[in-house]
Full PDB file with SEQRES, HELIX, SHEET, SSBOND, CRYST1, ORIGX, SCALE, CONECT and MASTER records, all heavy atoms in Angstrom:
SEQRES   1 A   39  SER GLN ALA THR LEU GLU ILE ALA ARG ALA SER ASN LEU          
SEQRES   2 A   39  VAL VAL GLN PRO THR GLY ALA SER LEU ASP ASP LEU ARG          
SEQRES   3 A   39  PRO ALA VAL ARG GLU PHE HIS ALA LEU VAL THR ALA GLY          
HELIX    1 AA1 GLN A    2  ALA A   10  1                                   9    
HELIX    2 AA2 LEU A   22  THR A   37  1                                  16    
CRYST1    1.000    1.000    1.000  90.00  90.00  90.00 P 1           1          
ORIGX1      1.000000  0.000000  0.000000        0.00000                         
ORIGX2      0.000000  1.000000  0.000000        0.00000                         
ORIGX3      0.000000  0.000000  1.000000        0.00000                         
SCALE1      1.000000  0.000000  0.000000        0.00000                         
SCALE2      0.000000  1.000000  0.000000        0.00000                         
SCALE3      0.000000  0.000000  1.000000        0.00000                         
ATOM      1  N   SER A   1      61.512-130.461-160.254  1.00  0.00           N  
ATOM      2  CA  SER A   1      60.894-130.608-159.024  1.00  0.00           C  
ATOM      3  C   SER A   1      59.439-131.029-159.098  1.00  0.00           C  
ATOM      4  O   SER A   1      58.975-131.190-160.230  1.00  0.00           O  
ATOM      5  CB  SER A   1      60.825-129.145-158.250  1.00  0.00           C  
ATOM      6  OG  SER A   1      60.051-128.251-159.114  1.00  0.00           O  
ATOM      7  N   GLN A   2      58.783-131.293-158.071  1.00  0.00           N  
ATOM      8  CA  GLN A   2      57.385-131.617-158.087  1.00  0.00           C  
ATOM      9  C   GLN A   2      56.579-130.592-158.606  1.00  0.00           C  
ATOM     10  O   GLN A   2      55.539-130.783-159.252  1.00  0.00           O  
ATOM     11  CB  GLN A   2      56.916-132.003-156.669  1.00  0.00           C  
ATOM     12  CG  GLN A   2      55.464-132.447-156.549  1.00  0.00           C  
ATOM     13  CD  GLN A   2      55.327-133.849-157.296  1.00  0.00           C  
ATOM     14  OE1 GLN A   2      56.169-134.603-157.377  1.00  0.00           O  
ATOM     15  NE2 GLN A   2      54.071-134.020-157.834  1.00  0.00           N  
ATOM     16  N   ALA A   3      57.073-129.280-158.452  1.00  0.00           N  
ATOM     17  CA  ALA A   3      56.311-128.176-159.063  1.00  0.00           C  
ATOM     18  C   ALA A   3      56.233-128.282-160.477  1.00  0.00           C  
ATOM     19  O   ALA A   3      55.204-127.892-161.170  1.00  0.00           O  
ATOM     20  CB  ALA A   3      56.959-126.849-158.562  1.00  0.00           C  
ATOM     21  N   THR A   4      57.332-128.733-161.178  1.00  0.00           N  
ATOM     22  CA  THR A   4      57.279-128.873-162.604  1.00  0.00           C  
ATOM     23  C   THR A   4      56.293-129.878-163.106  1.00  0.00           C  
ATOM     24  O   THR A   4      55.569-129.530-164.084  1.00  0.00           O  
ATOM     25  CB  THR A   4      58.710-129.355-163.101  1.00  0.00           C  
ATOM     26  OG1 THR A   4      59.722-128.448-162.684  1.00  0.00           O  
ATOM     27  CG2 THR A   4      58.705-129.350-164.588  1.00  0.00           C  
ATOM     28  N   LEU A   5      56.091-130.873-162.446  1.00  0.00           N  
ATOM     29  CA  LEU A   5      55.005-131.825-162.817  1.00  0.00           C  
ATOM     30  C   LEU A   5      53.637-131.308-162.483  1.00  0.00           C  
ATOM     31  O   LEU A   5      52.713-131.481-163.381  1.00  0.00           O  
ATOM     32  CB  LEU A   5      55.233-133.165-161.968  1.00  0.00           C  
ATOM     33  CG  LEU A   5      54.103-134.271-162.151  1.00  0.00           C  
ATOM     34  CD1 LEU A   5      54.047-134.637-163.590  1.00  0.00           C  
ATOM     35  CD2 LEU A   5      54.438-135.508-161.308  1.00  0.00           C  
ATOM     36  N   GLU A   6      53.482-130.509-161.484  1.00  0.00           N  
ATOM     37  CA  GLU A   6      52.166-129.963-161.208  1.00  0.00           C  
ATOM     38  C   GLU A   6      51.889-128.909-162.194  1.00  0.00           C  
ATOM     39  O   GLU A   6      50.706-128.826-162.725  1.00  0.00           O  
ATOM     40  CB  GLU A   6      52.207-129.124-159.812  1.00  0.00           C  
ATOM     41  CG  GLU A   6      50.940-128.568-159.413  1.00  0.00           C  
ATOM     42  CD  GLU A   6      51.009-127.824-158.148  1.00  0.00           C  
ATOM     43  OE1 GLU A   6      52.081-127.727-157.517  1.00  0.00           O  
ATOM     44  OE2 GLU A   6      49.951-127.193-157.702  1.00  0.00           O  
ATOM     45  N   ILE A   7      52.863-128.103-162.661  1.00  0.00           N  
ATOM     46  CA  ILE A   7      52.682-127.142-163.825  1.00  0.00           C  
ATOM     47  C   ILE A   7      52.256-127.910-165.091  1.00  0.00           C  
ATOM     48  O   ILE A   7      51.384-127.487-165.774  1.00  0.00           O  
ATOM     49  CB  ILE A   7      53.956-126.430-163.949  1.00  0.00           C  
ATOM     50  CG1 ILE A   7      54.203-125.358-162.754  1.00  0.00           C  
ATOM     51  CG2 ILE A   7      53.963-125.582-165.305  1.00  0.00           C  
ATOM     52  CD1 ILE A   7      55.559-124.783-162.779  1.00  0.00           C  
ATOM     53  N   ALA A   8      52.961-128.912-165.422  1.00  0.00           N  
ATOM     54  CA  ALA A   8      52.724-129.638-166.677  1.00  0.00           C  
ATOM     55  C   ALA A   8      51.319-130.263-166.706  1.00  0.00           C  
ATOM     56  O   ALA A   8      50.681-130.237-167.693  1.00  0.00           O  
ATOM     57  CB  ALA A   8      53.822-130.800-166.834  1.00  0.00           C  
ATOM     58  N   ARG A   9      50.929-130.822-165.535  1.00  0.00           N  
ATOM     59  CA  ARG A   9      49.566-131.368-165.526  1.00  0.00           C  
ATOM     60  C   ARG A   9      48.385-130.345-165.766  1.00  0.00           C  
ATOM     61  O   ARG A   9      47.392-130.648-166.325  1.00  0.00           O  
ATOM     62  CB  ARG A   9      49.345-131.981-164.121  1.00  0.00           C  
ATOM     63  CG  ARG A   9      50.013-133.392-163.987  1.00  0.00           C  
ATOM     64  CD  ARG A   9      49.885-133.993-162.661  1.00  0.00           C  
ATOM     65  NE  ARG A   9      50.441-135.352-162.574  1.00  0.00           N  
ATOM     66  CZ  ARG A   9      50.922-135.955-161.473  1.00  0.00           C  
ATOM     67  NH1 ARG A   9      50.829-135.291-160.340  1.00  0.00           N  
ATOM     68  NH2 ARG A   9      51.295-137.209-161.563  1.00  0.00           N  
ATOM     69  N   ALA A  10      48.669-129.046-165.313  1.00  0.00           N  
ATOM     70  CA  ALA A  10      47.677-128.043-165.533  1.00  0.00           C  
ATOM     71  C   ALA A  10      47.772-127.239-166.815  1.00  0.00           C  
ATOM     72  O   ALA A  10      46.918-126.294-167.016  1.00  0.00           O  
ATOM     73  CB  ALA A  10      47.773-127.091-164.291  1.00  0.00           C  
ATOM     74  N   SER A  11      48.759-127.458-167.634  1.00  0.00           N  
ATOM     75  CA  SER A  11      49.028-126.680-168.806  1.00  0.00           C  
ATOM     76  C   SER A  11      48.531-127.286-170.034  1.00  0.00           C  
ATOM     77  O   SER A  11      48.580-128.516-170.186  1.00  0.00           O  
ATOM     78  CB  SER A  11      50.527-126.401-168.900  1.00  0.00           C  
ATOM     79  OG  SER A  11      51.042-125.750-167.708  1.00  0.00           O  
ATOM     80  N   ASN A  12      48.158-126.487-170.994  1.00  0.00           N  
ATOM     81  CA  ASN A  12      47.811-126.931-172.284  1.00  0.00           C  
ATOM     82  C   ASN A  12      48.996-127.204-173.163  1.00  0.00           C  
ATOM     83  O   ASN A  12      48.989-128.119-174.013  1.00  0.00           O  
ATOM     84  CB  ASN A  12      46.943-125.853-173.044  1.00  0.00           C  
ATOM     85  CG  ASN A  12      45.684-125.524-172.327  1.00  0.00           C  
ATOM     86  OD1 ASN A  12      45.650-124.499-171.653  1.00  0.00           O  
ATOM     87  ND2 ASN A  12      44.643-126.341-172.422  1.00  0.00           N  
ATOM     88  N   LEU A  13      50.083-126.485-172.867  1.00  0.00           N  
ATOM     89  CA  LEU A  13      51.309-126.719-173.579  1.00  0.00           C  
ATOM     90  C   LEU A  13      52.526-126.415-172.628  1.00  0.00           C  
ATOM     91  O   LEU A  13      52.475-125.448-171.830  1.00  0.00           O  
ATOM     92  CB  LEU A  13      51.381-125.737-174.763  1.00  0.00           C  
ATOM     93  CG  LEU A  13      52.690-125.841-175.629  1.00  0.00           C  
ATOM     94  CD1 LEU A  13      52.579-127.214-176.369  1.00  0.00           C  
ATOM     95  CD2 LEU A  13      52.600-124.701-176.667  1.00  0.00           C  
ATOM     96  N   VAL A  14      53.448-127.255-172.731  1.00  0.00           N  
ATOM     97  CA  VAL A  14      54.721-127.040-171.837  1.00  0.00           C  
ATOM     98  C   VAL A  14      55.903-126.893-172.833  1.00  0.00           C  
ATOM     99  O   VAL A  14      56.185-127.783-173.644  1.00  0.00           O  
ATOM    100  CB  VAL A  14      54.996-128.280-170.992  1.00  0.00           C  
ATOM    101  CG1 VAL A  14      56.249-128.013-170.097  1.00  0.00           C  
ATOM    102  CG2 VAL A  14      53.749-128.509-170.007  1.00  0.00           C  
ATOM    103  N   VAL A  15      56.522-125.745-172.705  1.00  0.00           N  
ATOM    104  CA  VAL A  15      57.706-125.402-173.518  1.00  0.00           C  
ATOM    105  C   VAL A  15      58.967-125.447-172.755  1.00  0.00           C  
ATOM    106  O   VAL A  15      58.976-124.765-171.706  1.00  0.00           O  
ATOM    107  CB  VAL A  15      57.559-124.109-174.251  1.00  0.00           C  
ATOM    108  CG1 VAL A  15      58.822-123.762-175.118  1.00  0.00           C  
ATOM    109  CG2 VAL A  15      56.253-124.086-175.073  1.00  0.00           C  
ATOM    110  N   GLN A  16      59.968-126.249-173.185  1.00  0.00           N  
ATOM    111  CA  GLN A  16      61.279-126.156-172.522  1.00  0.00           C  
ATOM    112  C   GLN A  16      62.279-125.726-173.393  1.00  0.00           C  
ATOM    113  O   GLN A  16      62.735-126.325-174.423  1.00  0.00           O  
ATOM    114  CB  GLN A  16      61.632-127.649-172.061  1.00  0.00           C  
ATOM    115  CG  GLN A  16      62.986-127.618-171.170  1.00  0.00           C  
ATOM    116  CD  GLN A  16      63.334-129.048-170.742  1.00  0.00           C  
ATOM    117  OE1 GLN A  16      64.259-129.099-169.961  1.00  0.00           O  
ATOM    118  NE2 GLN A  16      62.617-130.068-171.147  1.00  0.00           N  
ATOM    119  N   PRO A  17      62.747-124.388-173.185  1.00  0.00           N  
ATOM    120  CA  PRO A  17      63.874-123.926-173.966  1.00  0.00           C  
ATOM    121  C   PRO A  17      65.208-124.705-173.643  1.00  0.00           C  
ATOM    122  O   PRO A  17      65.440-125.072-172.544  1.00  0.00           O  
ATOM    123  CB  PRO A  17      64.005-122.450-173.508  1.00  0.00           C  
ATOM    124  CG  PRO A  17      62.676-122.156-172.789  1.00  0.00           C  
ATOM    125  CD  PRO A  17      62.310-123.483-172.207  1.00  0.00           C  
ATOM    126  N   THR A  18      66.045-124.741-174.587  1.00  0.00           N  
ATOM    127  CA  THR A  18      67.321-125.391-174.400  1.00  0.00           C  
ATOM    128  C   THR A  18      68.388-124.776-175.369  1.00  0.00           C  
ATOM    129  O   THR A  18      68.075-124.436-176.459  1.00  0.00           O  
ATOM    130  CB  THR A  18      67.236-126.966-174.594  1.00  0.00           C  
ATOM    131  OG1 THR A  18      68.520-127.509-174.417  1.00  0.00           O  
ATOM    132  CG2 THR A  18      66.808-127.321-175.963  1.00  0.00           C  
ATOM    133  N   GLY A  19      69.567-124.828-174.938  1.00  0.00           N  
ATOM    134  CA  GLY A  19      70.719-124.521-175.725  1.00  0.00           C  
ATOM    135  C   GLY A  19      71.085-125.634-176.580  1.00  0.00           C  
ATOM    136  O   GLY A  19      70.492-126.731-176.573  1.00  0.00           O  
ATOM    137  N   ALA A  20      72.190-125.457-177.302  1.00  0.00           N  
ATOM    138  CA  ALA A  20      72.595-126.518-178.238  1.00  0.00           C  
ATOM    139  C   ALA A  20      73.737-127.473-177.876  1.00  0.00           C  
ATOM    140  O   ALA A  20      73.971-128.467-178.424  1.00  0.00           O  
ATOM    141  CB  ALA A  20      73.147-125.855-179.584  1.00  0.00           C  
ATOM    142  N   SER A  21      74.319-127.117-176.642  1.00  0.00           N  
ATOM    143  CA  SER A  21      75.415-128.041-176.155  1.00  0.00           C  
ATOM    144  C   SER A  21      74.751-129.235-175.494  1.00  0.00           C  
ATOM    145  O   SER A  21      73.625-129.247-175.040  1.00  0.00           O  
ATOM    146  CB  SER A  21      76.145-127.286-175.150  1.00  0.00           C  
ATOM    147  OG  SER A  21      75.472-127.198-173.855  1.00  0.00           O  
ATOM    148  N   LEU A  22      75.517-130.362-175.467  1.00  0.00           N  
ATOM    149  CA  LEU A  22      75.062-131.590-174.860  1.00  0.00           C  
ATOM    150  C   LEU A  22      74.774-131.424-173.430  1.00  0.00           C  
ATOM    151  O   LEU A  22      73.968-132.060-172.780  1.00  0.00           O  
ATOM    152  CB  LEU A  22      75.992-132.742-175.190  1.00  0.00           C  
ATOM    153  CG  LEU A  22      75.973-133.355-176.546  1.00  0.00           C  
ATOM    154  CD1 LEU A  22      77.075-134.379-176.639  1.00  0.00           C  
ATOM    155  CD2 LEU A  22      74.663-133.837-176.926  1.00  0.00           C  
ATOM    156  N   ASP A  23      75.514-130.464-172.803  1.00  0.00           N  
ATOM    157  CA  ASP A  23      75.331-130.168-171.386  1.00  0.00           C  
ATOM    158  C   ASP A  23      73.870-129.585-171.190  1.00  0.00           C  
ATOM    159  O   ASP A  23      73.353-129.726-170.036  1.00  0.00           O  
ATOM    160  CB  ASP A  23      76.351-129.186-171.012  1.00  0.00           C  
ATOM    161  CG  ASP A  23      77.736-129.759-170.737  1.00  0.00           C  
ATOM    162  OD1 ASP A  23      77.850-130.915-170.644  1.00  0.00           O  
ATOM    163  OD2 ASP A  23      78.675-128.942-170.626  1.00  0.00           O  
ATOM    164  N   ASP A  24      73.266-128.982-172.215  1.00  0.00           N  
ATOM    165  CA  ASP A  24      71.943-128.479-172.089  1.00  0.00           C  
ATOM    166  C   ASP A  24      70.980-129.490-172.549  1.00  0.00           C  
ATOM    167  O   ASP A  24      69.932-129.780-171.935  1.00  0.00           O  
ATOM    168  CB  ASP A  24      71.759-127.197-172.941  1.00  0.00           C  
ATOM    169  CG  ASP A  24      72.461-126.038-172.383  1.00  0.00           C  
ATOM    170  OD1 ASP A  24      72.637-125.936-171.107  1.00  0.00           O  
ATOM    171  OD2 ASP A  24      72.806-125.136-173.148  1.00  0.00           O  
ATOM    172  N   LEU A  25      71.352-130.204-173.658  1.00  0.00           N  
ATOM    173  CA  LEU A  25      70.318-131.131-174.303  1.00  0.00           C  
ATOM    174  C   LEU A  25      70.054-132.327-173.534  1.00  0.00           C  
ATOM    175  O   LEU A  25      68.891-132.759-173.345  1.00  0.00           O  
ATOM    176  CB  LEU A  25      70.884-131.499-175.729  1.00  0.00           C  
ATOM    177  CG  LEU A  25      70.919-130.410-176.754  1.00  0.00           C  
ATOM    178  CD1 LEU A  25      71.747-130.782-177.987  1.00  0.00           C  
ATOM    179  CD2 LEU A  25      69.532-129.888-177.120  1.00  0.00           C  
ATOM    180  N   ARG A  26      71.108-133.046-173.013  1.00  0.00           N  
ATOM    181  CA  ARG A  26      70.894-134.200-172.166  1.00  0.00           C  
ATOM    182  C   ARG A  26      70.039-134.065-171.058  1.00  0.00           C  
ATOM    183  O   ARG A  26      68.957-134.787-170.926  1.00  0.00           O  
ATOM    184  CB  ARG A  26      72.185-134.849-171.843  1.00  0.00           C  
ATOM    185  CG  ARG A  26      73.015-135.401-172.963  1.00  0.00           C  
ATOM    186  CD  ARG A  26      74.421-135.769-172.538  1.00  0.00           C  
ATOM    187  NE  ARG A  26      75.099-136.496-173.627  1.00  0.00           N  
ATOM    188  CZ  ARG A  26      76.466-136.536-173.788  1.00  0.00           C  
ATOM    189  NH1 ARG A  26      77.193-135.917-172.866  1.00  0.00           N  
ATOM    190  NH2 ARG A  26      76.983-137.191-174.694  1.00  0.00           N  
ATOM    191  N   PRO A  27      70.215-133.087-170.210  1.00  0.00           N  
ATOM    192  CA  PRO A  27      69.310-132.993-168.998  1.00  0.00           C  
ATOM    193  C   PRO A  27      67.950-132.506-169.313  1.00  0.00           C  
ATOM    194  O   PRO A  27      66.910-132.843-168.714  1.00  0.00           O  
ATOM    195  CB  PRO A  27      69.992-131.977-168.075  1.00  0.00           C  
ATOM    196  CG  PRO A  27      70.976-131.288-168.935  1.00  0.00           C  
ATOM    197  CD  PRO A  27      71.414-132.286-169.888  1.00  0.00           C  
ATOM    198  N   ALA A  28      67.899-131.678-170.466  1.00  0.00           N  
ATOM    199  CA  ALA A  28      66.508-131.320-170.976  1.00  0.00           C  
ATOM    200  C   ALA A  28      65.672-132.455-171.445  1.00  0.00           C  
ATOM    201  O   ALA A  28      64.433-132.595-171.060  1.00  0.00           O  
ATOM    202  CB  ALA A  28      66.739-130.276-172.163  1.00  0.00           C  
ATOM    203  N   VAL A  29      66.292-133.338-172.123  1.00  0.00           N  
ATOM    204  CA  VAL A  29      65.584-134.627-172.560  1.00  0.00           C  
ATOM    205  C   VAL A  29      65.170-135.382-171.406  1.00  0.00           C  
ATOM    206  O   VAL A  29      64.065-135.906-171.353  1.00  0.00           O  
ATOM    207  CB  VAL A  29      66.372-135.420-173.591  1.00  0.00           C  
ATOM    208  CG1 VAL A  29      65.809-136.776-173.802  1.00  0.00           C  
ATOM    209  CG2 VAL A  29      66.572-134.627-174.944  1.00  0.00           C  
ATOM    210  N   ARG A  30      66.092-135.464-170.381  1.00  0.00           N  
ATOM    211  CA  ARG A  30      65.765-136.272-169.240  1.00  0.00           C  
ATOM    212  C   ARG A  30      64.525-135.674-168.493  1.00  0.00           C  
ATOM    213  O   ARG A  30      63.729-136.431-167.952  1.00  0.00           O  
ATOM    214  CB  ARG A  30      66.931-136.343-168.315  1.00  0.00           C  
ATOM    215  CG  ARG A  30      67.983-137.361-168.696  1.00  0.00           C  
ATOM    216  CD  ARG A  30      68.932-137.681-167.679  1.00  0.00           C  
ATOM    217  NE  ARG A  30      69.779-136.497-167.280  1.00  0.00           N  
ATOM    218  CZ  ARG A  30      70.995-136.359-167.771  1.00  0.00           C  
ATOM    219  NH1 ARG A  30      71.544-137.123-168.701  1.00  0.00           N  
ATOM    220  NH2 ARG A  30      71.762-135.309-167.398  1.00  0.00           N  
ATOM    221  N   GLU A  31      64.476-134.308-168.546  1.00  0.00           N  
ATOM    222  CA  GLU A  31      63.338-133.598-167.852  1.00  0.00           C  
ATOM    223  C   GLU A  31      62.021-134.048-168.499  1.00  0.00           C  
ATOM    224  O   GLU A  31      61.046-134.328-167.836  1.00  0.00           O  
ATOM    225  CB  GLU A  31      63.508-132.136-167.980  1.00  0.00           C  
ATOM    226  CG  GLU A  31      62.411-131.320-167.434  1.00  0.00           C  
ATOM    227  CD  GLU A  31      62.318-131.164-165.986  1.00  0.00           C  
ATOM    228  OE1 GLU A  31      63.045-131.833-165.231  1.00  0.00           O  
ATOM    229  OE2 GLU A  31      61.524-130.345-165.466  1.00  0.00           O  
ATOM    230  N   PHE A  32      61.950-134.009-169.885  1.00  0.00           N  
ATOM    231  CA  PHE A  32      60.776-134.413-170.551  1.00  0.00           C  
ATOM    232  C   PHE A  32      60.475-135.939-170.379  1.00  0.00           C  
ATOM    233  O   PHE A  32      59.277-136.253-170.249  1.00  0.00           O  
ATOM    234  CB  PHE A  32      60.831-133.941-172.006  1.00  0.00           C  
ATOM    235  CG  PHE A  32      60.215-132.590-172.315  1.00  0.00           C  
ATOM    236  CD1 PHE A  32      59.853-131.790-171.251  1.00  0.00           C  
ATOM    237  CD2 PHE A  32      60.216-132.114-173.565  1.00  0.00           C  
ATOM    238  CE1 PHE A  32      59.321-130.541-171.593  1.00  0.00           C  
ATOM    239  CE2 PHE A  32      59.744-130.821-173.846  1.00  0.00           C  
ATOM    240  CZ  PHE A  32      59.248-130.087-172.856  1.00  0.00           C  
ATOM    241  N   HIS A  33      61.476-136.682-170.400  1.00  0.00           N  
ATOM    242  CA  HIS A  33      61.250-138.125-170.154  1.00  0.00           C  
ATOM    243  C   HIS A  33      60.615-138.385-168.788  1.00  0.00           C  
ATOM    244  O   HIS A  33      59.735-139.136-168.701  1.00  0.00           O  
ATOM    245  CB  HIS A  33      62.640-138.882-170.211  1.00  0.00           C  
ATOM    246  CG  HIS A  33      63.158-139.165-171.596  1.00  0.00           C  
ATOM    247  ND1 HIS A  33      62.436-139.030-172.682  1.00  0.00           N  
ATOM    248  CD2 HIS A  33      64.410-139.644-171.974  1.00  0.00           C  
ATOM    249  CE1 HIS A  33      63.146-139.396-173.784  1.00  0.00           C  
ATOM    250  NE2 HIS A  33      64.369-139.727-173.283  1.00  0.00           N  
ATOM    251  N   ALA A  34      61.074-137.578-167.800  1.00  0.00           N  
ATOM    252  CA  ALA A  34      60.409-137.806-166.465  1.00  0.00           C  
ATOM    253  C   ALA A  34      58.953-137.350-166.487  1.00  0.00           C  
ATOM    254  O   ALA A  34      58.123-138.074-165.852  1.00  0.00           O  
ATOM    255  CB  ALA A  34      61.246-136.863-165.472  1.00  0.00           C  
ATOM    256  N   LEU A  35      58.599-136.320-167.170  1.00  0.00           N  
ATOM    257  CA  LEU A  35      57.253-135.873-167.348  1.00  0.00           C  
ATOM    258  C   LEU A  35      56.358-136.933-167.990  1.00  0.00           C  
ATOM    259  O   LEU A  35      55.241-137.269-167.586  1.00  0.00           O  
ATOM    260  CB  LEU A  35      57.136-134.614-167.999  1.00  0.00           C  
ATOM    261  CG  LEU A  35      57.713-133.338-167.334  1.00  0.00           C  
ATOM    262  CD1 LEU A  35      57.480-132.100-168.121  1.00  0.00           C  
ATOM    263  CD2 LEU A  35      57.006-133.142-165.953  1.00  0.00           C  
ATOM    264  N   VAL A  36      56.915-137.505-169.066  1.00  0.00           N  
ATOM    265  CA  VAL A  36      56.182-138.527-169.771  1.00  0.00           C  
ATOM    266  C   VAL A  36      55.991-139.683-168.910  1.00  0.00           C  
ATOM    267  O   VAL A  36      54.839-140.423-168.886  1.00  0.00           O  
ATOM    268  CB  VAL A  36      56.953-138.915-171.085  1.00  0.00           C  
ATOM    269  CG1 VAL A  36      56.307-140.102-171.692  1.00  0.00           C  
ATOM    270  CG2 VAL A  36      56.926-137.795-172.086  1.00  0.00           C  
ATOM    271  N   THR A  37      56.982-140.122-168.211  1.00  0.00           N  
ATOM    272  CA  THR A  37      56.886-141.294-167.282  1.00  0.00           C  
ATOM    273  C   THR A  37      55.790-140.993-166.258  1.00  0.00           C  
ATOM    274  O   THR A  37      55.113-141.944-165.766  1.00  0.00           O  
ATOM    275  CB  THR A  37      58.188-141.553-166.584  1.00  0.00           C  
ATOM    276  OG1 THR A  37      59.222-141.853-167.593  1.00  0.00           O  
ATOM    277  CG2 THR A  37      58.133-142.649-165.494  1.00  0.00           C  
ATOM    278  N   ALA A  38      55.664-139.697-165.798  1.00  0.00           N  
ATOM    279  CA  ALA A  38      54.635-139.357-164.791  1.00  0.00           C  
ATOM    280  C   ALA A  38      53.271-139.163-165.385  1.00  0.00           C  
ATOM    281  O   ALA A  38      52.289-138.858-164.705  1.00  0.00           O  
ATOM    282  CB  ALA A  38      55.039-138.033-164.165  1.00  0.00           C  
ATOM    283  N   GLY A  39      53.136-139.448-166.751  1.00  0.00           N  
ATOM    284  CA  GLY A  39      51.770-139.430-167.383  1.00  0.00           C  
ATOM    285  C   GLY A  39      51.480-138.185-168.245  1.00  0.00           C  
ATOM    286  O   GLY A  39      50.359-138.112-168.759  1.00  0.00           O  
TER     287      GLY A  39                                                      
MASTER        0    0    0    2    0    0    0    6  286    1    0    3          
END                                                                             
């Protein structure tokens, strides 16, 4: 959500927990890719 980006911009460190299945890993990586794309 937009809230995730707002949180990331204000944080010194952003930690994303994930499980080991590809069902967890693939969307988790996409989430961080989106944050990087947003700056």
